[in-house]
Structures are given as C-alpha cells and as structure tokens.
C-alpha cells in the first residue's frame, strides 16, 4: 500500500533566506536539482543524512561532521542517519 505524503510538509523556507529547503535537513532544493542535473540519481543524492542541532557552534558542527567523514565510508552511510550529537 502506497503512503501519501503532503510535499508541503517536506519543503519549507530557509529561516536565514528565501530559498526553499528540505524541512529536516535544510538541504537546498536548488542543490538537489544541481546534483540531479550533474547526472546523479536519487540513490546517489540521498545516500545518507547527517542531522545537527543549531545549539552547536559552527566550529563544533564542523568538528563533528569531520569525525563522521573520517570514520564512515560512503558505503557505510547508505540508508543511514547520523546525528552530530553522537
């Protein structure tokens, strides 16, 4: 049975600008379109998701992202959600 999702719940306005973004990840719709136009398919674009919290400083977010990049391969990230707090 197919599950219907209201696309309006998936896309929101970036609070720091006027661009449309994916609600959970804040990934720009234009970024996704650009990746698709470069020949990437949906699986390649949505390989894995890293979620962070705005309470962390930019430097702390970058340190945590770099730690994930250093410890996880692209293959390890397939269909995974990683939290910066982990």
PDB file of N, CA and C in Angstrom:
ATOM      1  N   UNK A   1       0.826  -1.165   0.000  1.00  0.00           N
ATOM      2  CA  UNK A   1       0.000   0.000   0.000  1.00  0.00           C
ATOM      3  C   UNK A   1       0.884   1.247   0.000  1.00  0.00           C
ATOM      4  N   UNK A   2       0.635   2.156  -0.904  1.00  0.00           N
ATOM      5  CA  UNK A   2       1.413   3.387  -1.010  1.00  0.00           C
ATOM      6  C   UNK A   2       1.038   4.350   0.111  1.00  0.00           C
ATOM      7  N   UNK A   3       2.049   5.038   0.620  1.00  0.00           N
ATOM      8  CA  UNK A   3       1.823   6.053   1.643  1.00  0.00           C
ATOM      9  C   UNK A   3       1.931   7.412   0.970  1.00  0.00           C
ATOM     10  N   UNK A   4       0.900   8.218   1.093  1.00  0.00           N
ATOM     11  CA  UNK A   4       0.901   9.541   0.501  1.00  0.00           C
ATOM     12  C   UNK A   4       1.438  10.549   1.503  1.00  0.00           C
ATOM     13  N   UNK A   5       2.317  11.419   1.034  1.00  0.00           N
ATOM     14  CA  UNK A   5       2.891  12.460   1.879  1.00  0.00           C
ATOM     15  C   UNK A   5       2.626  13.802   1.232  1.00  0.00           C
ATOM     16  N   UNK A   6       2.166  14.741   2.018  1.00  0.00           N
ATOM     17  CA  UNK A   6       1.963  16.101   1.540  1.00  0.00           C
ATOM     18  C   UNK A   6       3.322  16.750   1.356  1.00  0.00           C
ATOM     19  N   UNK A   7       3.681  17.087   0.109  1.00  0.00           N
ATOM     20  CA  UNK A   7       5.004  17.657  -0.158  1.00  0.00           C
ATOM     21  C   UNK A   7       5.229  18.960   0.594  1.00  0.00           C
ATOM     22  N   UNK A   8       4.145  19.633   0.961  1.00  0.00           N
ATOM     23  CA  UNK A   8       4.268  20.854   1.743  1.00  0.00           C
ATOM     24  C   UNK A   8       4.888  20.629   3.105  1.00  0.00           C
ATOM     25  N   UNK A   9       4.821  19.406   3.619  1.00  0.00           N
ATOM     26  CA  UNK A   9       5.443  19.075   4.897  1.00  0.00           C
ATOM     27  C   UNK A   9       6.929  18.778   4.743  1.00  0.00           C
ATOM     28  N   UNK A  10       7.365  18.503   3.527  1.00  0.00           N
ATOM     29  CA  UNK A  10       8.759  18.145   3.287  1.00  0.00           C
ATOM     30  C   UNK A  10       9.632  19.340   2.917  1.00  0.00           C
ATOM     31  N   UNK A  11       9.010  20.399   2.425  1.00  0.00           N
ATOM     32  CA  UNK A  11       9.751  21.572   1.959  1.00  0.00           C
ATOM     33  C   UNK A  11       9.306  22.784   2.773  1.00  0.00           C
ATOM     34  N   UNK A  12      10.281  23.573   3.187  1.00  0.00           N
ATOM     35  CA  UNK A  12       9.998  24.787   3.952  1.00  0.00           C
ATOM     36  C   UNK A  12      10.906  25.903   3.469  1.00  0.00           C
ATOM     37  N   UNK A  13      10.703  27.099   3.962  1.00  0.00           N
ATOM     38  CA  UNK A  13      11.543  28.246   3.624  1.00  0.00           C
ATOM     39  C   UNK A  13      12.715  28.299   4.595  1.00  0.00           C
ATOM     40  N   UNK A  14      13.902  28.481   4.071  1.00  0.00           N
ATOM     41  CA  UNK A  14      15.091  28.609   4.892  1.00  0.00           C
ATOM     42  C   UNK A  14      14.926  29.806   5.828  1.00  0.00           C
ATOM     43  N   UNK A  15      15.096  29.624   7.146  1.00  0.00           N
ATOM     44  CA  UNK A  15      14.910  30.740   8.073  1.00  0.00           C
ATOM     45  C   UNK A  15      15.947  31.850   7.899  1.00  0.00           C
ATOM     46  N   UNK A  16      17.053  31.561   7.204  1.00  0.00           N
ATOM     47  CA  UNK A  16      18.114  32.550   7.002  1.00  0.00           C
ATOM     48  C   UNK A  16      18.100  33.128   5.596  1.00  0.00           C
ATOM     49  N   UNK A  17      17.042  32.869   4.839  1.00  0.00           N
ATOM     50  CA  UNK A  17      16.950  33.362   3.472  1.00  0.00           C
ATOM     51  C   UNK A  17      15.602  32.998   2.888  1.00  0.00           C
ATOM     52  N   UNK A  18      15.455  33.220   1.620  1.00  0.00           N
ATOM     53  CA  UNK A  18      14.171  32.957   0.972  1.00  0.00           C
ATOM     54  C   UNK A  18      14.155  31.673   0.159  1.00  0.00           C
ATOM     55  N   UNK A  19      15.212  30.892   0.195  1.00  0.00           N
ATOM     56  CA  UNK A  19      15.275  29.698  -0.649  1.00  0.00           C
ATOM     57  C   UNK A  19      14.490  28.534  -0.044  1.00  0.00           C
ATOM     58  N   UNK A  20      13.898  27.704  -0.899  1.00  0.00           N
ATOM     59  CA  UNK A  20      13.211  26.509  -0.389  1.00  0.00           C
ATOM     60  C   UNK A  20      14.228  25.431  -0.009  1.00  0.00           C
ATOM     61  N   UNK A  21      13.965  24.758   1.115  1.00  0.00           N
ATOM     62  CA  UNK A  21      14.861  23.717   1.607  1.00  0.00           C
ATOM     63  C   UNK A  21      14.051  22.519   2.083  1.00  0.00           C
ATOM     64  N   UNK A  22      14.712  21.359   2.169  1.00  0.00           N
ATOM     65  CA  UNK A  22      14.100  20.174   2.757  1.00  0.00           C
ATOM     66  C   UNK A  22      13.937  20.440   4.251  1.00  0.00           C
ATOM     67  N   UNK A  23      12.773  20.192   4.794  1.00  0.00           N
ATOM     68  CA  UNK A  23      12.443  20.564   6.172  1.00  0.00           C
ATOM     69  C   UNK A  23      13.430  20.013   7.192  1.00  0.00           C
ATOM     70  N   UNK A  24      13.737  18.729   7.167  1.00  0.00           N
ATOM     71  CA  UNK A  24      14.567  18.118   8.199  1.00  0.00           C
ATOM     72  C   UNK A  24      16.043  18.446   8.029  1.00  0.00           C
ATOM     73  N   UNK A  25      16.555  18.358   6.812  1.00  0.00           N
ATOM     74  CA  UNK A  25      17.991  18.502   6.590  1.00  0.00           C
ATOM     75  C   UNK A  25      18.432  19.909   6.242  1.00  0.00           C
ATOM     76  N   UNK A  26      17.476  20.780   5.865  1.00  0.00           N
ATOM     77  CA  UNK A  26      17.764  22.147   5.408  1.00  0.00           C
ATOM     78  C   UNK A  26      18.609  22.157   4.131  1.00  0.00           C
ATOM     79  N   UNK A  27      18.606  21.047   3.398  1.00  0.00           N
ATOM     80  CA  UNK A  27      19.293  20.980   2.115  1.00  0.00           C
ATOM     81  C   UNK A  27      18.509  21.786   1.097  1.00  0.00           C
ATOM     82  N   UNK A  28      19.208  22.624   0.365  1.00  0.00           N
ATOM     83  CA  UNK A  28      18.564  23.477  -0.629  1.00  0.00           C
ATOM     84  C   UNK A  28      17.978  22.639  -1.769  1.00  0.00           C
ATOM     85  N   UNK A  29      16.772  23.001  -2.171  1.00  0.00           N
ATOM     86  CA  UNK A  29      16.152  22.339  -3.321  1.00  0.00           C
ATOM     87  C   UNK A  29      17.010  22.548  -4.558  1.00  0.00           C
ATOM     88  N   UNK A  30      17.615  23.740  -4.661  1.00  0.00           N
ATOM     89  CA  UNK A  30      18.477  24.038  -5.809  1.00  0.00           C
ATOM     90  C   UNK A  30      19.710  23.136  -5.804  1.00  0.00           C
ATOM     91  N   UNK A  31      20.225  22.795  -4.627  1.00  0.00           N
ATOM     92  CA  UNK A  31      21.381  21.893  -4.527  1.00  0.00           C
ATOM     93  C   UNK A  31      21.003  20.497  -5.029  1.00  0.00           C
ATOM     94  N   UNK A  32      19.841  20.028  -4.641  1.00  0.00           N
ATOM     95  CA  UNK A  32      19.374  18.714  -5.098  1.00  0.00           C
ATOM     96  C   UNK A  32      19.181  18.718  -6.611  1.00  0.00           C
ATOM     97  N   UNK A  33      18.574  19.791  -7.132  1.00  0.00           N
ATOM     98  CA  UNK A  33      18.373  19.897  -8.582  1.00  0.00           C
ATOM     99  C   UNK A  33      19.714  19.931  -9.312  1.00  0.00           C
ATOM    100  N   UNK A  34      20.681  20.637  -8.746  1.00  0.00           N
ATOM    101  CA  UNK A  34      22.012  20.693  -9.362  1.00  0.00           C
ATOM    102  C   UNK A  34      22.677  19.335  -9.405  1.00  0.00           C
ATOM    103  N   UNK A  35      22.592  18.572  -8.325  1.00  0.00           N
ATOM    104  CA  UNK A  35      23.158  17.215  -8.302  1.00  0.00           C
ATOM    105  C   UNK A  35      22.482  16.319  -9.333  1.00  0.00           C
ATOM    106  N   UNK A  36      21.158  16.460  -9.455  1.00  0.00           N
ATOM    107  CA  UNK A  36      20.415  15.670 -10.434  1.00  0.00           C
ATOM    108  C   UNK A  36      20.845  16.045 -11.858  1.00  0.00           C
ATOM    109  N   UNK A  37      21.004  17.327 -12.113  1.00  0.00           N
ATOM    110  CA  UNK A  37      21.425  17.786 -13.440  1.00  0.00           C
ATOM    111  C   UNK A  37      22.847  17.355 -13.778  1.00  0.00           C
ATOM    112  N   UNK A  38      23.663  17.070 -12.767  1.00  0.00           N
ATOM    113  CA  UNK A  38      25.020  16.585 -12.981  1.00  0.00           C
ATOM    114  C   UNK A  38      25.045  15.090 -13.285  1.00  0.00           C
ATOM    115  N   UNK A  39      23.875  14.458 -13.278  1.00  0.00           N
ATOM    116  CA  UNK A  39      23.792  13.045 -13.616  1.00  0.00           C
ATOM    117  C   UNK A  39      23.635  12.113 -12.432  1.00  0.00           C
ATOM    118  N   UNK A  40      23.538  12.648 -11.227  1.00  0.00           N
ATOM    119  CA  UNK A  40      23.341  11.804 -10.042  1.00  0.00           C
ATOM    120  C   UNK A  40      21.893  11.332  -9.982  1.00  0.00           C
ATOM    121  N   UNK A  41      21.697  10.075  -9.598  1.00  0.00           N
ATOM    122  CA  UNK A  41      20.331   9.582  -9.436  1.00  0.00           C
ATOM    123  C   UNK A  41      19.879   9.786  -7.987  1.00  0.00           C
ATOM    124  N   UNK A  42      18.639   9.479  -7.709  1.00  0.00           N
ATOM    125  CA  UNK A  42      18.069   9.725  -6.377  1.00  0.00           C
ATOM    126  C   UNK A  42      18.837   8.983  -5.293  1.00  0.00           C
ATOM    127  N   UNK A  43      19.261   7.767  -5.569  1.00  0.00           N
ATOM    128  CA  UNK A  43      20.008   6.995  -4.570  1.00  0.00           C
ATOM    129  C   UNK A  43      21.340   7.660  -4.245  1.00  0.00           C
ATOM    130  N   UNK A  44      22.017   8.190  -5.261  1.00  0.00           N
ATOM    131  CA  UNK A  44      23.297   8.854  -5.029  1.00  0.00           C
ATOM    132  C   UNK A  44      23.115  10.168  -4.268  1.00  0.00           C
ATOM    133  N   UNK A  45      22.045  10.874  -4.547  1.00  0.00           N
ATOM    134  CA  UNK A  45      21.799  12.155  -3.886  1.00  0.00           C
ATOM    135  C   UNK A  45      21.434  11.939  -2.424  1.00  0.00           C
ATOM    136  N   UNK A  46      20.636  10.939  -2.132  1.00  0.00           N
ATOM    137  CA  UNK A  46      20.150  10.699  -0.767  1.00  0.00           C
ATOM    138  C   UNK A  46      20.825   9.503  -0.131  1.00  0.00           C
ATOM    139  N   UNK A  47      22.126   9.397  -0.290  1.00  0.00           N
ATOM    140  CA  UNK A  47      22.853   8.250   0.247  1.00  0.00           C
ATOM    141  C   UNK A  47      22.728   8.156   1.754  1.00  0.00           C
ATOM    142  N   UNK A  48      22.947   9.242   2.450  1.00  0.00           N
ATOM    143  CA  UNK A  48      22.863   9.265   3.908  1.00  0.00           C
ATOM    144  C   UNK A  48      22.557  10.672   4.365  1.00  0.00           C
ATOM    145  N   UNK A  49      22.124  10.790   5.591  1.00  0.00           N
ATOM    146  CA  UNK A  49      21.741  12.088   6.127  1.00  0.00           C
ATOM    147  C   UNK A  49      22.468  12.297   7.450  1.00  0.00           C
ATOM    148  N   UNK A  50      23.009  13.501   7.622  1.00  0.00           N
ATOM    149  CA  UNK A  50      23.622  13.884   8.889  1.00  0.00           C
ATOM    150  C   UNK A  50      22.757  14.988   9.476  1.00  0.00           C
ATOM    151  N   UNK A  51      22.289  14.784  10.703  1.00  0.00           N
ATOM    152  CA  UNK A  51      21.436  15.772  11.363  1.00  0.00           C
ATOM    153  C   UNK A  51      22.205  16.451  12.488  1.00  0.00           C
ATOM    154  N   UNK A  52      22.065  17.759  12.552  1.00  0.00           N
ATOM    155  CA  UNK A  52      22.710  18.534  13.603  1.00  0.00           C
ATOM    156  C   UNK A  52      21.705  19.405  14.304  1.00  0.00           C
ATOM    157  N   UNK A  53      22.165  20.088  15.292  1.00  0.00           N
ATOM    158  CA  UNK A  53      21.310  20.973  16.067  1.00  0.00           C
ATOM    159  C   UNK A  53      21.913  22.366  16.064  1.00  0.00           C
ATOM    160  N   UNK A  54      21.078  23.372  15.964  1.00  0.00           N
ATOM    161  CA  UNK A  54      21.570  24.735  15.865  1.00  0.00           C
ATOM    162  C   UNK A  54      22.218  25.222  17.162  1.00  0.00           C
ATOM    163  N   UNK A  55      22.073  24.494  18.241  1.00  0.00           N
ATOM    164  CA  UNK A  55      22.680  24.914  19.508  1.00  0.00           C
ATOM    165  C   UNK A  55      24.200  24.756  19.493  1.00  0.00           C
ATOM    166  N   UNK A  56      24.744  23.971  18.540  1.00  0.00           N
ATOM    167  CA  UNK A  56      26.191  23.819  18.416  1.00  0.00           C
ATOM    168  C   UNK A  56      26.764  24.976  17.614  1.00  0.00           C
ATOM    169  N   UNK A  57      27.954  25.415  17.971  1.00  0.00           N
ATOM    170  CA  UNK A  57      28.632  26.448  17.194  1.00  0.00           C
ATOM    171  C   UNK A  57      29.018  25.851  15.836  1.00  0.00           C
ATOM    172  N   UNK A  58      29.308  26.721  14.884  1.00  0.00           N
ATOM    173  CA  UNK A  58      29.731  26.257  13.557  1.00  0.00           C
ATOM    174  C   UNK A  58      30.987  25.398  13.677  1.00  0.00           C
ATOM    175  N   UNK A  59      31.936  25.836  14.500  1.00  0.00           N
ATOM    176  CA  UNK A  59      33.166  25.071  14.680  1.00  0.00           C
ATOM    177  C   UNK A  59      32.905  23.683  15.237  1.00  0.00           C
ATOM    178  N   UNK A  60      32.011  23.594  16.220  1.00  0.00           N
ATOM    179  CA  UNK A  60      31.673  22.290  16.807  1.00  0.00           C
ATOM    180  C   UNK A  60      30.962  21.411  15.783  1.00  0.00           C
ATOM    181  N   UNK A  61      30.062  21.983  14.998  1.00  0.00           N
ATOM    182  CA  UNK A  61      29.385  21.213  13.955  1.00  0.00           C
ATOM    183  C   UNK A  61      30.400  20.663  12.953  1.00  0.00           C
ATOM    184  N   UNK A  62      31.359  21.501  12.547  1.00  0.00           N
ATOM    185  CA  UNK A  62      32.370  21.058  11.587  1.00  0.00           C
ATOM    186  C   UNK A  62      33.237  19.945  12.174  1.00  0.00           C
ATOM    187  N   UNK A  63      33.639  20.082  13.435  1.00  0.00           N
ATOM    188  CA  UNK A  63      34.437  19.013  14.065  1.00  0.00           C
ATOM    189  C   UNK A  63      33.683  17.690  14.062  1.00  0.00           C
ATOM    190  N   UNK A  64      32.392  17.749  14.371  1.00  0.00           N
ATOM    191  CA  UNK A  64      31.591  16.521  14.418  1.00  0.00           C
ATOM    192  C   UNK A  64      31.365  15.946  13.028  1.00  0.00           C
ATOM    193  N   UNK A  65      31.150  16.816  12.037  1.00  0.00           N
ATOM    194  CA  UNK A  65      30.993  16.341  10.652  1.00  0.00           C
ATOM    195  C   UNK A  65      32.288  15.685  10.183  1.00  0.00           C
ATOM    196  N   UNK A  66      33.426  16.328  10.442  1.00  0.00           N
ATOM    197  CA  UNK A  66      34.718  15.767  10.030  1.00  0.00           C
ATOM    198  C   UNK A  66      34.985  14.430  10.712  1.00  0.00           C
ATOM    199  N   UNK A  67      34.540  14.275  11.968  1.00  0.00           N
ATOM    200  CA  UNK A  67      34.702  12.992  12.667  1.00  0.00           C
ATOM    201  C   UNK A  67      33.905  11.896  11.960  1.00  0.00           C
ATOM    202  N   UNK A  68      32.671  12.230  11.535  1.00  0.00           N
ATOM    203  CA  UNK A  68      31.851  11.247  10.816  1.00  0.00           C
ATOM    204  C   UNK A  68      32.509  10.895   9.488  1.00  0.00           C
ATOM    205  N   UNK A  69      32.988  11.908   8.768  1.00  0.00           N
ATOM    206  CA  UNK A  69      33.633  11.667   7.472  1.00  0.00           C
ATOM    207  C   UNK A  69      34.868  10.784   7.640  1.00  0.00           C
ATOM    208  N   UNK A  70      35.618  11.003   8.722  1.00  0.00           N
ATOM    209  CA  UNK A  70      36.840  10.230   8.955  1.00  0.00           C
ATOM    210  C   UNK A  70      36.556   8.779   9.347  1.00  0.00           C
ATOM    211  N   UNK A  71      35.377   8.527   9.912  1.00  0.00           N
ATOM    212  CA  UNK A  71      35.101   7.179  10.418  1.00  0.00           C
ATOM    213  C   UNK A  71      34.100   6.380   9.596  1.00  0.00           C
ATOM    214  N   UNK A  72      33.404   7.026   8.655  1.00  0.00           N
ATOM    215  CA  UNK A  72      32.384   6.338   7.861  1.00  0.00           C
ATOM    216  C   UNK A  72      32.681   6.501   6.377  1.00  0.00           C
ATOM    217  N   UNK A  73      32.609   5.421   5.653  1.00  0.00           N
ATOM    218  CA  UNK A  73      32.753   5.500   4.195  1.00  0.00           C
ATOM    219  C   UNK A  73      31.398   5.830   3.581  1.00  0.00           C
ATOM    220  N   UNK A  74      31.407   6.186   2.301  1.00  0.00           N
ATOM    221  CA  UNK A  74      30.144   6.442   1.604  1.00  0.00           C
ATOM    222  C   UNK A  74      29.263   5.200   1.648  1.00  0.00           C
ATOM    223  N   UNK A  75      29.877   4.036   1.541  1.00  0.00           N
ATOM    224  CA  UNK A  75      29.119   2.775   1.600  1.00  0.00           C
ATOM    225  C   UNK A  75      28.488   2.585   2.980  1.00  0.00           C
ATOM    226  N   UNK A  76      29.227   2.940   4.035  1.00  0.00           N
ATOM    227  CA  UNK A  76      28.687   2.831   5.399  1.00  0.00           C
ATOM    228  C   UNK A  76      27.509   3.769   5.627  1.00  0.00           C
ATOM    229  N   UNK A  77      27.486   4.887   4.910  1.00  0.00           N
ATOM    230  CA  UNK A  77      26.441   5.901   5.102  1.00  0.00           C
ATOM    231  C   UNK A  77      25.162   5.604   4.331  1.00  0.00           C
ATOM    232  N   UNK A  78      25.196   4.636   3.430  1.00  0.00           N
ATOM    233  CA  UNK A  78      24.000   4.338   2.645  1.00  0.00           C
ATOM    234  C   UNK A  78      22.831   4.001   3.556  1.00  0.00           C
ATOM    235  N   UNK A  79      21.716   4.701   3.332  1.00  0.00           N
ATOM    236  CA  UNK A  79      20.480   4.489   4.068  1.00  0.00           C
ATOM    237  C   UNK A  79      20.623   4.652   5.577  1.00  0.00           C
ATOM    238  N   UNK A  80      21.555   5.507   5.995  1.00  0.00           N
ATOM    239  CA  UNK A  80      21.797   5.737   7.418  1.00  0.00           C
ATOM    240  C   UNK A  80      21.482   7.178   7.792  1.00  0.00           C
ATOM    241  N   UNK A  81      21.155   7.389   9.035  1.00  0.00           N
ATOM    242  CA  UNK A  81      21.014   8.726   9.594  1.00  0.00           C
ATOM    243  C   UNK A  81      22.022   8.833  10.724  1.00  0.00           C
ATOM    244  N   UNK A  82      22.887   9.831  10.659  1.00  0.00           N
ATOM    245  CA  UNK A  82      23.878  10.067  11.710  1.00  0.00           C
ATOM    246  C   UNK A  82      23.541  11.376  12.397  1.00  0.00           C
ATOM    247  N   UNK A  83      23.671  11.410  13.697  1.00  0.00           N
ATOM    248  CA  UNK A  83      23.419  12.613  14.477  1.00  0.00           C
ATOM    249  C   UNK A  83      24.740  13.199  14.924  1.00  0.00           C
ATOM    250  N   UNK A  84      24.886  14.516  14.813  1.00  0.00           N
ATOM    251  CA  UNK A  84      26.133  15.159  15.219  1.00  0.00           C
ATOM    252  C   UNK A  84      26.370  15.014  16.716  1.00  0.00           C
ATOM    253  N   UNK A  85      25.326  14.764  17.473  1.00  0.00           N
ATOM    254  CA  UNK A  85      25.475  14.626  18.915  1.00  0.00           C
ATOM    255  C   UNK A  85      26.090  13.293  19.317  1.00  0.00           C
ATOM    256  N   UNK A  86      26.127  12.358  18.394  1.00  0.00           N
ATOM    257  CA  UNK A  86      26.633  11.019  18.713  1.00  0.00           C
ATOM    258  C   UNK A  86      28.145  11.009  18.851  1.00  0.00           C
TER     259      UNK A  86
END
